[in-house]
C-alpha atoms as a PDB file:
ATOM      1  CA  MET A   1     -37.497  54.596  67.029  1.00  0.00           C
ATOM      2  CA  LEU A   2     -39.073  51.185  67.296  1.00  0.00           C
ATOM      3  CA  PRO A   3     -40.573  48.975  69.897  1.00  0.00           C
ATOM      4  CA  PHE A   4     -38.746  46.127  71.372  1.00  0.00           C
ATOM      5  CA  PHE A   5     -41.243  43.572  70.890  1.00  0.00           C
ATOM      6  CA  LYS A   6     -42.963  42.366  67.819  1.00  0.00           C
ATOM      7  CA  THR A   7     -46.033  41.960  69.613  1.00  0.00           C
ATOM      8  CA  THR A   8     -46.400  45.434  70.397  1.00  0.00           C
ATOM      9  CA  LYS A   9     -48.590  47.446  68.168  1.00  0.00           C
ATOM     10  CA  VAL A  10     -47.994  50.837  67.041  1.00  0.00           C
ATOM     11  CA  ASN A  11     -49.652  53.879  65.652  1.00  0.00           C
ATOM     12  CA  SER A  12     -46.715  55.663  63.832  1.00  0.00           C
ATOM     13  CA  ALA A  13     -48.726  58.394  62.828  1.00  0.00           C
ATOM     14  CA  CYS A  14     -49.236  59.882  66.557  1.00  0.00           C
ATOM     15  CA  ASN A  15     -46.365  57.551  68.200  1.00  0.00           C
ATOM     16  CA  VAL A  16     -48.870  55.620  70.465  1.00  0.00           C
ATOM     17  CA  TRP A  17     -47.627  52.059  71.422  1.00  0.00           C
ATOM     18  CA  HIS A  18     -49.689  48.935  72.645  1.00  0.00           C
ATOM     19  CA  PRO A  19     -47.698  46.581  74.374  1.00  0.00           C
ATOM     20  CA  GLU A  20     -49.557  43.416  75.167  1.00  0.00           C
ATOM     21  CA  SER A  21     -49.196  43.686  78.801  1.00  0.00           C
ATOM     22  CA  PHE A  22     -48.215  45.242  81.763  1.00  0.00           C
ATOM     23  CA  THR A  23     -44.744  43.595  82.017  1.00  0.00           C
ATOM     24  CA  ALA A  24     -44.065  44.428  78.316  1.00  0.00           C
ATOM     25  CA  LEU A  25     -45.002  48.164  78.968  1.00  0.00           C
ATOM     26  CA  LEU A  26     -42.222  47.994  81.391  1.00  0.00           C
ATOM     27  CA  ALA A  27     -39.697  46.323  79.273  1.00  0.00           C
ATOM     28  CA  GLU A  28     -40.735  48.572  76.210  1.00  0.00           C
ATOM     29  CA  ILE A  29     -39.800  51.692  78.429  1.00  0.00           C
ATOM     30  CA  ARG A  30     -36.519  50.476  79.787  1.00  0.00           C
ATOM     31  CA  HIS A  31     -35.766  49.676  76.042  1.00  0.00           C
ATOM     32  CA  ILE A  32     -36.800  53.508  75.285  1.00  0.00           C
ATOM     33  CA  GLN A  33     -34.397  54.441  78.160  1.00  0.00           C
ATOM     34  CA  ASP A  34     -31.606  52.761  77.056  1.00  0.00           C
ATOM     35  CA  LEU A  35     -31.735  54.068  73.617  1.00  0.00           C
ATOM     36  CA  LEU A  36     -31.622  57.225  75.196  1.00  0.00           C
ATOM     37  CA  ALA A  37     -29.110  56.932  77.449  1.00  0.00           C
ATOM     38  CA  SER A  38     -27.079  55.640  74.844  1.00  0.00           C
ATOM     39  CA  ASN A  39     -27.061  59.058  73.337  1.00  0.00           C
ATOM     40  CA  GLY A  40     -26.768  60.964  76.250  1.00  0.00           C
ATOM     41  CA  ARG A  41     -30.592  61.657  76.824  1.00  0.00           C
ATOM     42  CA  ALA A  42     -32.836  61.519  79.348  1.00  0.00           C
ATOM     43  CA  ALA A  43     -36.688  60.845  79.668  1.00  0.00           C
ATOM     44  CA  LEU A  44     -39.223  62.458  81.552  1.00  0.00           C
ATOM     45  CA  PHE A  45     -42.730  60.964  82.426  1.00  0.00           C
ATOM     46  CA  ARG A  46     -46.521  61.328  82.974  1.00  0.00           C
ATOM     47  CA  GLY A  47     -49.618  59.283  83.697  1.00  0.00           C
ATOM     48  CA  HIS A  48     -53.306  59.279  82.827  1.00  0.00           C
ATOM     49  CA  ARG A  49     -55.750  57.198  83.831  1.00  0.00           C
ATOM     50  CA  SER A  50     -57.722  57.382  80.552  1.00  0.00           C
ATOM     51  CA  SER A  51     -56.002  56.921  77.413  1.00  0.00           C
ATOM     52  CA  GLN A  52     -58.450  59.312  75.659  1.00  0.00           C
ATOM     53  CA  TRP A  53     -57.516  62.410  77.876  1.00  0.00           C
ATOM     54  CA  LEU A  54     -55.420  64.841  75.888  1.00  0.00           C
ATOM     55  CA  LEU A  55     -51.852  66.231  77.138  1.00  0.00           C
ATOM     56  CA  ASP A  56     -53.613  69.579  78.076  1.00  0.00           C
ATOM     57  CA  SER A  57     -52.895  71.735  80.935  1.00  0.00           C
ATOM     58  CA  THR A  58     -55.476  72.469  84.020  1.00  0.00           C
ATOM     59  CA  PHE A  59     -56.081  75.732  82.586  1.00  0.00           C
ATOM     60  CA  VAL A  60     -57.312  74.503  79.215  1.00  0.00           C
ATOM     61  CA  ARG A  61     -59.210  71.658  80.303  1.00  0.00           C
ATOM     62  CA  SER A  62     -61.069  74.003  82.542  1.00  0.00           C
ATOM     63  CA  ILE A  63     -61.813  76.639  79.822  1.00  0.00           C
ATOM     64  CA  LYS A  64     -62.797  73.749  77.513  1.00  0.00           C
ATOM     65  CA  GLN A  65     -65.187  72.358  80.052  1.00  0.00           C
ATOM     66  CA  HIS A  66     -66.760  75.586  81.354  1.00  0.00           C
ATOM     67  CA  LEU A  67     -67.020  78.080  78.092  1.00  0.00           C
ATOM     68  CA  PHE A  68     -67.480  75.083  75.426  1.00  0.00           C
ATOM     69  CA  GLY A  69     -68.643  71.868  77.054  1.00  0.00           C
ATOM     70  CA  LEU A  70     -65.513  69.760  75.980  1.00  0.00           C
ATOM     71  CA  ALA A  71     -64.547  66.373  77.818  1.00  0.00           C
ATOM     72  CA  PRO A  72     -60.925  65.890  78.414  1.00  0.00           C
ATOM     73  CA  GLY A  73     -60.572  64.046  75.433  1.00  0.00           C
ATOM     74  CA  GLN A  74     -62.208  66.362  73.051  1.00  0.00           C
ATOM     75  CA  ARG A  75     -60.409  69.004  70.827  1.00  0.00           C
ATOM     76  CA  PHE A  76     -61.458  72.441  69.645  1.00  0.00           C
ATOM     77  CA  SER A  77     -62.864  72.045  66.276  1.00  0.00           C
ATOM     78  CA  ALA A  78     -60.627  72.599  63.462  1.00  0.00           C
ATOM     79  CA  GLN A  79     -62.573  75.965  62.698  1.00  0.00           C
ATOM     80  CA  LEU A  80     -61.631  77.154  66.668  1.00  0.00           C
ATOM     81  CA  GLN A  81     -58.073  75.878  66.333  1.00  0.00           C
ATOM     82  CA  HIS A  82     -56.858  77.800  63.201  1.00  0.00           C
ATOM     83  CA  SER A  83     -58.670  81.078  64.630  1.00  0.00           C
ATOM     84  CA  ALA A  84     -56.629  84.029  65.547  1.00  0.00           C
ATOM     85  CA  ASP A  85     -59.221  85.089  67.615  1.00  0.00           C
ATOM     86  CA  LEU A  86     -59.369  81.804  69.967  1.00  0.00           C
ATOM     87  CA  HIS A  87     -55.913  82.126  70.454  1.00  0.00           C
ATOM     88  CA  ASN A  88     -55.981  85.813  71.617  1.00  0.00           C
ATOM     89  CA  THR A  89     -58.740  84.761  73.704  1.00  0.00           C
ATOM     90  CA  LEU A  90     -56.919  82.201  75.279  1.00  0.00           C
ATOM     91  CA  ALA A  91     -53.944  84.095  75.787  1.00  0.00           C
ATOM     92  CA  CYS A  92     -55.924  86.721  77.246  1.00  0.00           C
ATOM     93  CA  ALA A  93     -57.810  84.709  79.705  1.00  0.00           C
ATOM     94  CA  LEU A  94     -54.165  83.312  81.117  1.00  0.00           C
ATOM     95  CA  MET A  95     -52.985  86.803  81.331  1.00  0.00           C
ATOM     96  CA  LEU A  96     -56.221  87.842  83.151  1.00  0.00           C
ATOM     97  CA  LYS A  97     -55.983  85.344  85.807  1.00  0.00           C
ATOM     98  CA  PHE A  98     -52.137  85.766  86.375  1.00  0.00           C
ATOM     99  CA  GLY A  99     -51.822  89.314  86.066  1.00  0.00           C
ATOM    100  CA  CYS A 100     -54.938  90.663  87.474  1.00  0.00           C
ATOM    101  CA  LEU A 101     -57.147  87.751  89.372  1.00  0.00           C
ATOM    102  CA  LEU A 102     -54.022  86.252  90.701  1.00  0.00           C
ATOM    103  CA  ARG A 103     -50.753  87.224  91.809  1.00  0.00           C
ATOM    104  CA  PRO A 104     -47.731  86.281  94.266  1.00  0.00           C
ATOM    105  CA  SER A 105     -48.564  87.163  97.493  1.00  0.00           C
ATOM    106  CA  ASP A 106     -46.527  90.265  99.277  1.00  0.00           C
ATOM    107  CA  GLU A 107     -44.931  87.469 101.710  1.00  0.00           C
ATOM    108  CA  LEU A 108     -44.199  85.125  98.524  1.00  0.00           C
ATOM    109  CA  SER A 109     -42.595  88.355  96.618  1.00  0.00           C
ATOM    110  CA  ILE A 110     -40.134  89.156  99.320  1.00  0.00           C
ATOM    111  CA  GLN A 111     -39.186  85.558 100.173  1.00  0.00           C
ATOM    112  CA  SER A 112     -38.543  85.079  96.396  1.00  0.00           C
ATOM    113  CA  ASN A 113     -36.330  88.526  96.518  1.00  0.00           C
ATOM    114  CA  ASN A 114     -34.636  87.594  99.852  1.00  0.00           C
ATOM    115  CA  HIS A 115     -33.463  83.876  98.024  1.00  0.00           C
ATOM    116  CA  ARG A 116     -33.557  85.051  94.492  1.00  0.00           C
ATOM    117  CA  LEU A 117     -36.290  82.946  93.612  1.00  0.00           C
ATOM    118  CA  ASP A 118     -38.802  82.909  90.753  1.00  0.00           C
ATOM    119  CA  CYS A 119     -42.045  84.148  92.518  1.00  0.00           C
ATOM    120  CA  TYR A 120     -44.469  83.559  89.452  1.00  0.00           C
ATOM    121  CA  PHE A 121     -42.753  79.825  89.252  1.00  0.00           C
ATOM    122  CA  GLU A 122     -43.257  79.269  93.010  1.00  0.00           C
ATOM    123  CA  LEU A 123     -47.201  80.492  92.874  1.00  0.00           C
ATOM    124  CA  ILE A 124     -47.820  78.243  90.065  1.00  0.00           C
ATOM    125  CA  LYS A 125     -46.048  75.433  91.467  1.00  0.00           C
ATOM    126  CA  ARG A 126     -48.083  75.790  94.615  1.00  0.00           C
ATOM    127  CA  ILE A 127     -51.164  75.809  92.657  1.00  0.00           C
ATOM    128  CA  GLN A 128     -49.885  72.408  90.616  1.00  0.00           C
ATOM    129  CA  GLN A 129     -49.434  71.110  94.108  1.00  0.00           C
ATOM    130  CA  HIS A 130     -52.384  72.269  95.974  1.00  0.00           C
ATOM    131  CA  PRO A 131     -55.224  72.836  93.179  1.00  0.00           C
ATOM    132  CA  GLU A 132     -57.496  72.866  95.920  1.00  0.00           C
ATOM    133  CA  GLU A 133     -56.250  76.236  97.066  1.00  0.00           C
ATOM    134  CA  ASP A 134     -56.604  77.348  93.402  1.00  0.00           C
ATOM    135  CA  LYS A 135     -60.721  76.455  93.248  1.00  0.00           C
ATOM    136  CA  VAL A 136     -60.933  78.720  96.234  1.00  0.00           C
ATOM    137  CA  LYS A 137     -59.614  81.745  94.586  1.00  0.00           C
ATOM    138  CA  SER A 138     -60.342  81.277  90.961  1.00  0.00           C
ATOM    139  CA  PRO A 139     -63.496  81.502  88.925  1.00  0.00           C
ATOM    140  CA  PRO A 140     -64.541  77.708  87.804  1.00  0.00           C
ATOM    141  CA  GLY A 141     -63.447  78.468  84.259  1.00  0.00           C
ATOM    142  CA  LEU A 142     -60.023  79.694  85.363  1.00  0.00           C
ATOM    143  CA  ILE A 143     -59.099  76.986  87.339  1.00  0.00           C
ATOM    144  CA  GLY A 144     -55.584  75.687  87.329  1.00  0.00           C
ATOM    145  CA  THR A 145     -52.377  76.901  85.143  1.00  0.00           C
ATOM    146  CA  ASN A 146     -50.826  76.452  81.670  1.00  0.00           C
ATOM    147  CA  PHE A 147     -48.158  74.025  83.438  1.00  0.00           C
ATOM    148  CA  ILE A 148     -48.122  70.368  82.787  1.00  0.00           C
ATOM    149  CA  ASP A 149     -46.480  68.111  85.787  1.00  0.00           C
ATOM    150  CA  PHE A 150     -43.652  65.854  83.945  1.00  0.00           C
ATOM    151  CA  SER A 151     -41.837  63.421  86.552  1.00  0.00           C
ATOM    152  CA  ARG A 152     -38.301  62.200  86.609  1.00  0.00           C
ATOM    153  CA  SER A 153     -39.944  58.953  87.932  1.00  0.00           C
ATOM    154  CA  LEU A 154     -41.487  56.306  85.877  1.00  0.00           C
ATOM    155  CA  ASN A 155     -43.017  55.117  88.927  1.00  0.00           C
ATOM    156  CA  ILE A 156     -44.576  58.383  89.604  1.00  0.00           C
ATOM    157  CA  ALA A 157     -46.163  58.258  86.034  1.00  0.00           C
ATOM    158  CA  LEU A 158     -47.426  54.864  86.464  1.00  0.00           C
ATOM    159  CA  TYR A 159     -49.368  55.825  90.167  1.00  0.00           C
ATOM    160  CA  PHE A 160     -51.254  58.700  88.030  1.00  0.00           C
ATOM    161  CA  ALA A 161     -51.816  56.119  85.247  1.00  0.00           C
ATOM    162  CA  ASN A 162     -53.884  53.457  87.422  1.00  0.00           C
ATOM    163  CA  ASP A 163     -54.971  56.030  90.394  1.00  0.00           C
ATOM    164  CA  GLY A 164     -59.016  55.580  90.484  1.00  0.00           C
ATOM    165  CA  ARG A 165     -58.305  53.571  87.039  1.00  0.00           C
ATOM    166  CA  THR A 166     -61.143  50.573  86.548  1.00  0.00           C
ATOM    167  CA  ASP A 167     -60.084  47.349  84.595  1.00  0.00           C
ATOM    168  CA  ASP A 168     -62.326  48.230  81.930  1.00  0.00           C
ATOM    169  CA  GLU A 169     -59.983  51.429  81.265  1.00  0.00           C
ATOM    170  CA  MET A 170     -56.943  52.116  79.460  1.00  0.00           C
ATOM    171  CA  GLY A 171     -54.674  54.456  81.261  1.00  0.00           C
ATOM    172  CA  ALA A 172     -51.847  55.977  79.090  1.00  0.00           C
ATOM    173  CA  VAL A 173     -47.674  56.582  80.043  1.00  0.00           C
ATOM    174  CA  TYR A 174     -46.128  59.417  78.398  1.00  0.00           C
ATOM    175  CA  VAL A 175     -42.133  58.905  77.639  1.00  0.00           C
ATOM    176  CA  LEU A 176     -40.964  62.169  76.642  1.00  0.00           C
ATOM    177  CA  ASP A 177     -37.309  62.663  75.244  1.00  0.00           C
ATOM    178  CA  THR A 178     -36.586  65.950  76.631  1.00  0.00           C
ATOM    179  CA  ALA A 179     -33.413  66.280  74.134  1.00  0.00           C
ATOM    180  CA  GLY A 180     -35.749  65.878  71.218  1.00  0.00           C
ATOM    181  CA  ALA A 181     -37.992  68.481  72.340  1.00  0.00           C
ATOM    182  CA  GLY A 182     -36.255  71.555  71.324  1.00  0.00           C
ATOM    183  CA  PRO A 183     -34.070  73.941  72.863  1.00  0.00           C
ATOM    184  CA  VAL A 184     -36.717  74.886  75.189  1.00  0.00           C
ATOM    185  CA  LEU A 185     -35.355  74.721  78.796  1.00  0.00           C
ATOM    186  CA  VAL A 186     -36.082  78.576  80.170  1.00  0.00           C
ATOM    187  CA  ASN A 187     -33.705  80.718  81.792  1.00  0.00           C
ATOM    188  CA  GLU A 188     -35.673  83.378  82.636  1.00  0.00           C
ATOM    189  CA  PRO A 189     -38.431  84.289  85.008  1.00  0.00           C
ATOM    190  CA  VAL A 190     -42.277  83.296  84.315  1.00  0.00           C
ATOM    191  CA  GLU A 191     -43.470  86.578  84.824  1.00  0.00           C
ATOM    192  CA  ALA A 192     -40.956  87.409  81.932  1.00  0.00           C
ATOM    193  CA  VAL A 193     -42.202  85.048  79.440  1.00  0.00           C
ATOM    194  CA  PHE A 194     -45.881  86.019  80.470  1.00  0.00           C
ATOM    195  CA  GLN A 195     -44.635  89.704  79.420  1.00  0.00           C
ATOM    196  CA  LYS A 196     -43.851  88.728  76.273  1.00  0.00           C
ATOM    197  CA  ILE A 197     -47.321  86.964  75.755  1.00  0.00           C
ATOM    198  CA  ARG A 198     -49.112  90.284  77.113  1.00  0.00           C
ATOM    199  CA  ASP A 199     -46.375  92.262  74.215  1.00  0.00           C
ATOM    200  CA  LYS A 200     -47.524  90.127  71.500  1.00  0.00           C
ATOM    201  CA  LEU A 201     -51.298  90.614  72.640  1.00  0.00           C
ATOM    202  CA  THR A 202     -51.156  94.427  72.137  1.00  0.00           C
ATOM    203  CA  ASP A 203     -49.583  93.434  68.271  1.00  0.00           C
ATOM    204  CA  THR A 204     -52.659  94.177  65.802  1.00  0.00           C
ATOM    205  CA  GLU A 205     -50.942  91.613  63.548  1.00  0.00           C
ATOM    206  CA  PHE A 206     -50.778  88.982  66.606  1.00  0.00           C
ATOM    207  CA  THR A 207     -52.041  85.986  65.188  1.00  0.00           C
ATOM    208  CA  SER A 208     -48.909  83.825  65.202  1.00  0.00           C
ATOM    209  CA  SER A 209     -48.163  81.128  67.916  1.00  0.00           C
ATOM    210  CA  ASN A 210     -46.809  81.502  71.022  1.00  0.00           C
ATOM    211  CA  GLY A 211     -44.397  78.356  70.058  1.00  0.00           C
ATOM    212  CA  LEU A 212     -43.072  75.093  71.567  1.00  0.00           C
ATOM    213  CA  PRO A 213     -43.901  74.039  75.250  1.00  0.00           C
ATOM    214  CA  LEU A 214     -41.354  75.478  77.298  1.00  0.00           C
ATOM    215  CA  PHE A 215     -39.317  74.010  80.480  1.00  0.00           C
ATOM    216  CA  PHE A 216     -39.244  75.525  83.782  1.00  0.00           C
ATOM    217  CA  CYS A 217     -36.912  73.977  86.419  1.00  0.00           C
ATOM    218  CA  PRO A 218     -35.247  77.027  88.211  1.00  0.00           C
ATOM    219  CA  SER A 219     -32.357  75.914  90.115  1.00  0.00           C
ATOM    220  CA  ARG A 220     -33.213  77.782  93.133  1.00  0.00           C
ATOM    221  CA  GLN A 221     -36.974  76.556  94.384  1.00  0.00           C
ATOM    222  CA  ILE A 222     -38.898  76.882  97.820  1.00  0.00           C
ATOM    223  CA  LYS A 223     -38.699  72.966  98.863  1.00  0.00           C
ATOM    224  CA  ASP A 224     -42.108  71.344  98.530  1.00  0.00           C
ATOM    225  CA  LEU A 225     -42.091  67.341  99.650  1.00  0.00           C
ATOM    226  CA  ARG A 226     -44.911  66.969  97.397  1.00  0.00           C
ATOM    227  CA  ALA A 227     -42.793  68.378  94.078  1.00  0.00           C
ATOM    228  CA  ASP A 228     -39.764  66.426  95.452  1.00  0.00           C
ATOM    229  CA  ASN A 229     -41.574  62.931  96.216  1.00  0.00           C
ATOM    230  CA  GLN A 230     -43.166  63.417  92.647  1.00  0.00           C
ATOM    231  CA  GLN A 231     -39.972  64.492  91.039  1.00  0.00           C
ATOM    232  CA  ALA A 232     -41.970  67.085  89.470  1.00  0.00           C
ATOM    233  CA  PHE A 233     -40.691  68.800  86.253  1.00  0.00           C
ATOM    234  CA  TYR A 234     -42.915  71.546  84.560  1.00  0.00           C
ATOM    235  CA  VAL A 235     -43.863  72.133  81.039  1.00  0.00           C
ATOM    236  CA  ALA A 236     -45.636  75.048  79.994  1.00  0.00           C
ATOM    237  CA  GLN A 237     -48.292  74.754  77.090  1.00  0.00           C
ATOM    238  CA  MET A 238     -47.573  77.700  75.324  1.00  0.00           C
ATOM    239  CA  ASP A 239     -50.372  77.737  72.272  1.00  0.00           C
ATOM    240  CA  LEU A 240     -53.606  76.747  74.173  1.00  0.00           C
ATOM    241  CA  ARG A 241     -55.368  75.797  71.077  1.00  0.00           C
ATOM    242  CA  TYR A 242     -53.274  72.576  70.724  1.00  0.00           C
ATOM    243  CA  GLU A 243     -52.441  70.115  73.023  1.00  0.00           C
ATOM    244  CA  LEU A 244     -48.794  68.847  73.505  1.00  0.00           C
ATOM    245  CA  GLU A 245     -49.009  65.846  71.469  1.00  0.00           C
ATOM    246  CA  PHE A 246     -50.204  67.863  68.424  1.00  0.00           C
ATOM    247  CA  VAL A 247     -47.440  70.342  68.783  1.00  0.00           C
ATOM    248  CA  TRP A 248     -44.597  67.638  69.181  1.00  0.00           C
ATOM    249  CA  GLN A 249     -45.835  65.729  66.400  1.00  0.00           C
ATOM    250  CA  GLN A 250     -45.408  68.658  64.234  1.00  0.00           C
ATOM    251  CA  LEU A 251     -41.504  68.530  65.129  1.00  0.00           C
ATOM    252  CA  PRO A 252     -39.308  66.293  62.213  1.00  0.00           C
ATOM    253  CA  GLN A 253     -39.291  63.627  64.899  1.00  0.00           C
ATOM    254  CA  ASN A 254     -41.852  63.406  67.478  1.00  0.00           C
ATOM    255  CA  PRO A 255     -39.922  63.341  70.868  1.00  0.00           C
ATOM    256  CA  LEU A 256     -43.201  61.777  72.720  1.00  0.00           C
ATOM    257  CA  ILE A 257     -43.845  58.067  73.108  1.00  0.00           C
ATOM    258  CA  LYS A 258     -47.430  57.319  74.517  1.00  0.00           C
ATOM    259  CA  LEU A 259     -47.780  54.021  75.705  1.00  0.00           C
ATOM    260  CA  ILE A 260     -51.110  52.175  76.390  1.00  0.00           C
ATOM    261  CA  LEU A 261     -51.391  50.452  79.968  1.00  0.00           C
ATOM    262  CA  PRO A 262     -53.937  47.732  79.257  1.00  0.00           C
ATOM    263  CA  LYS A 263     -57.370  46.995  80.490  1.00  0.00           C
ATOM    264  CA  GLY A 264     -57.332  44.470  83.485  1.00  0.00           C
ATOM    265  CA  SER A 265     -53.773  45.467  84.833  1.00  0.00           C
ATOM    266  CA  VAL A 266     -54.921  47.721  87.861  1.00  0.00           C
ATOM    267  CA  ASP A 267     -54.437  44.758  90.343  1.00  0.00           C
ATOM    268  CA  GLU A 268     -50.777  44.497  88.846  1.00  0.00           C
ATOM    269  CA  VAL A 269     -49.744  48.046  88.490  1.00  0.00           C
ATOM    270  CA  SER A 270     -50.875  48.227  92.325  1.00  0.00           C
ATOM    271  CA  ALA A 271     -48.753  45.323  93.293  1.00  0.00           C
ATOM    272  CA  TYR A 272     -45.778  46.774  91.343  1.00  0.00           C
ATOM    273  CA  LEU A 273     -46.268  50.273  93.060  1.00  0.00           C
ATOM    274  CA  ARG A 274     -46.728  48.814  96.596  1.00  0.00           C
ATOM    275  CA  GLN A 275     -43.362  46.904  96.077  1.00  0.00           C
ATOM    276  CA  HIS A 276     -41.381  50.225  95.066  1.00  0.00           C
ATOM    277  CA  GLY A 277     -43.133  51.914  97.862  1.00  0.00           C
ATOM    278  CA  ILE A 278     -45.131  54.061  95.870  1.00  0.00           C
ATOM    279  CA  SER A 279     -48.697  54.966  97.594  1.00  0.00           C
ATOM    280  CA  ALA A 280     -50.966  58.065  98.386  1.00  0.00           C
ATOM    281  CA  ASP A 281     -48.967  58.937 101.381  1.00  0.00           C
ATOM    282  CA  TYR A 282     -45.709  59.116  99.431  1.00  0.00           C
ATOM    283  CA  VAL A 283     -47.051  60.912  96.502  1.00  0.00           C
ATOM    284  CA  TYR A 284     -49.292  63.179  98.590  1.00  0.00           C
ATOM    285  CA  PRO A 285     -47.246  63.825 101.979  1.00  0.00           C
ATOM    286  CA  LYS A 286     -49.038  65.960 104.473  1.00  0.00           C
ATOM    287  CA  THR A 287     -45.866  67.814 105.113  1.00  0.00           C
ATOM    288  CA  ASP A 288     -46.385  71.284 104.137  1.00  0.00           C
ATOM    289  CA  THR A 289     -43.877  73.712 102.084  1.00  0.00           C
ATOM    290  CA  THR A 290     -41.035  74.950 103.646  1.00  0.00           C
ATOM    291  CA  THR A 291     -37.846  77.089 102.944  1.00  0.00           C
END
């Protein structure tokens, strides 16, 4: 896929686009959406305040920070990334958190059984939307989940790309071609996926990846106004050694485009978001979860 404007600079190796202005960025995203729609495909979006951040889950960022002293924009060393020991360690840490330290409450399990819901998905969704609760329950090095929030709404992605950003910073907006990411929409419960990871950990020959990122969007969910307003769609990071950009770059055609939000555009983006009714009160409504 090529950009609409000749002035948009492209790093084709990693599919990063540099529009010359915020207006050009909006036009480029509309161009991408139109091209996808013409082939019956849809896009998901995600925003980062810093273009230097990697597309890692909060769980991986927590381990990198507390165990390895790495910043959000830093990768594991090549030696570590290709290590089966690191692969096993990260998978074990994830299972430690969601098998031993943190499990769905009895109340949530009963509610999930009564309404045919995925109780582990609901637990993870709650952590994603209310991370302050997780910080009370989890050790500092195991904060978060292996899920990464995307949105069906470009405006929500722009909010997160601009929130707290200074005019000296470049933000990033990711556009993901969901169909191009492979057949990864999961129809089985999260707990069943976790069990497959545990089963692989007991294999003495376990050295291989856990596969491509998986998409979770159960048809029946507990209503959460934050998730609804954010039009949240959850992508699970399966091989915790590698950020999602790297994994998708290995596919025959990279389904992810990263557009850089230029410096000096904070006020312009803020005005655009106000015009479209996107504010902190909208993104983080105070109304709590209801069934």
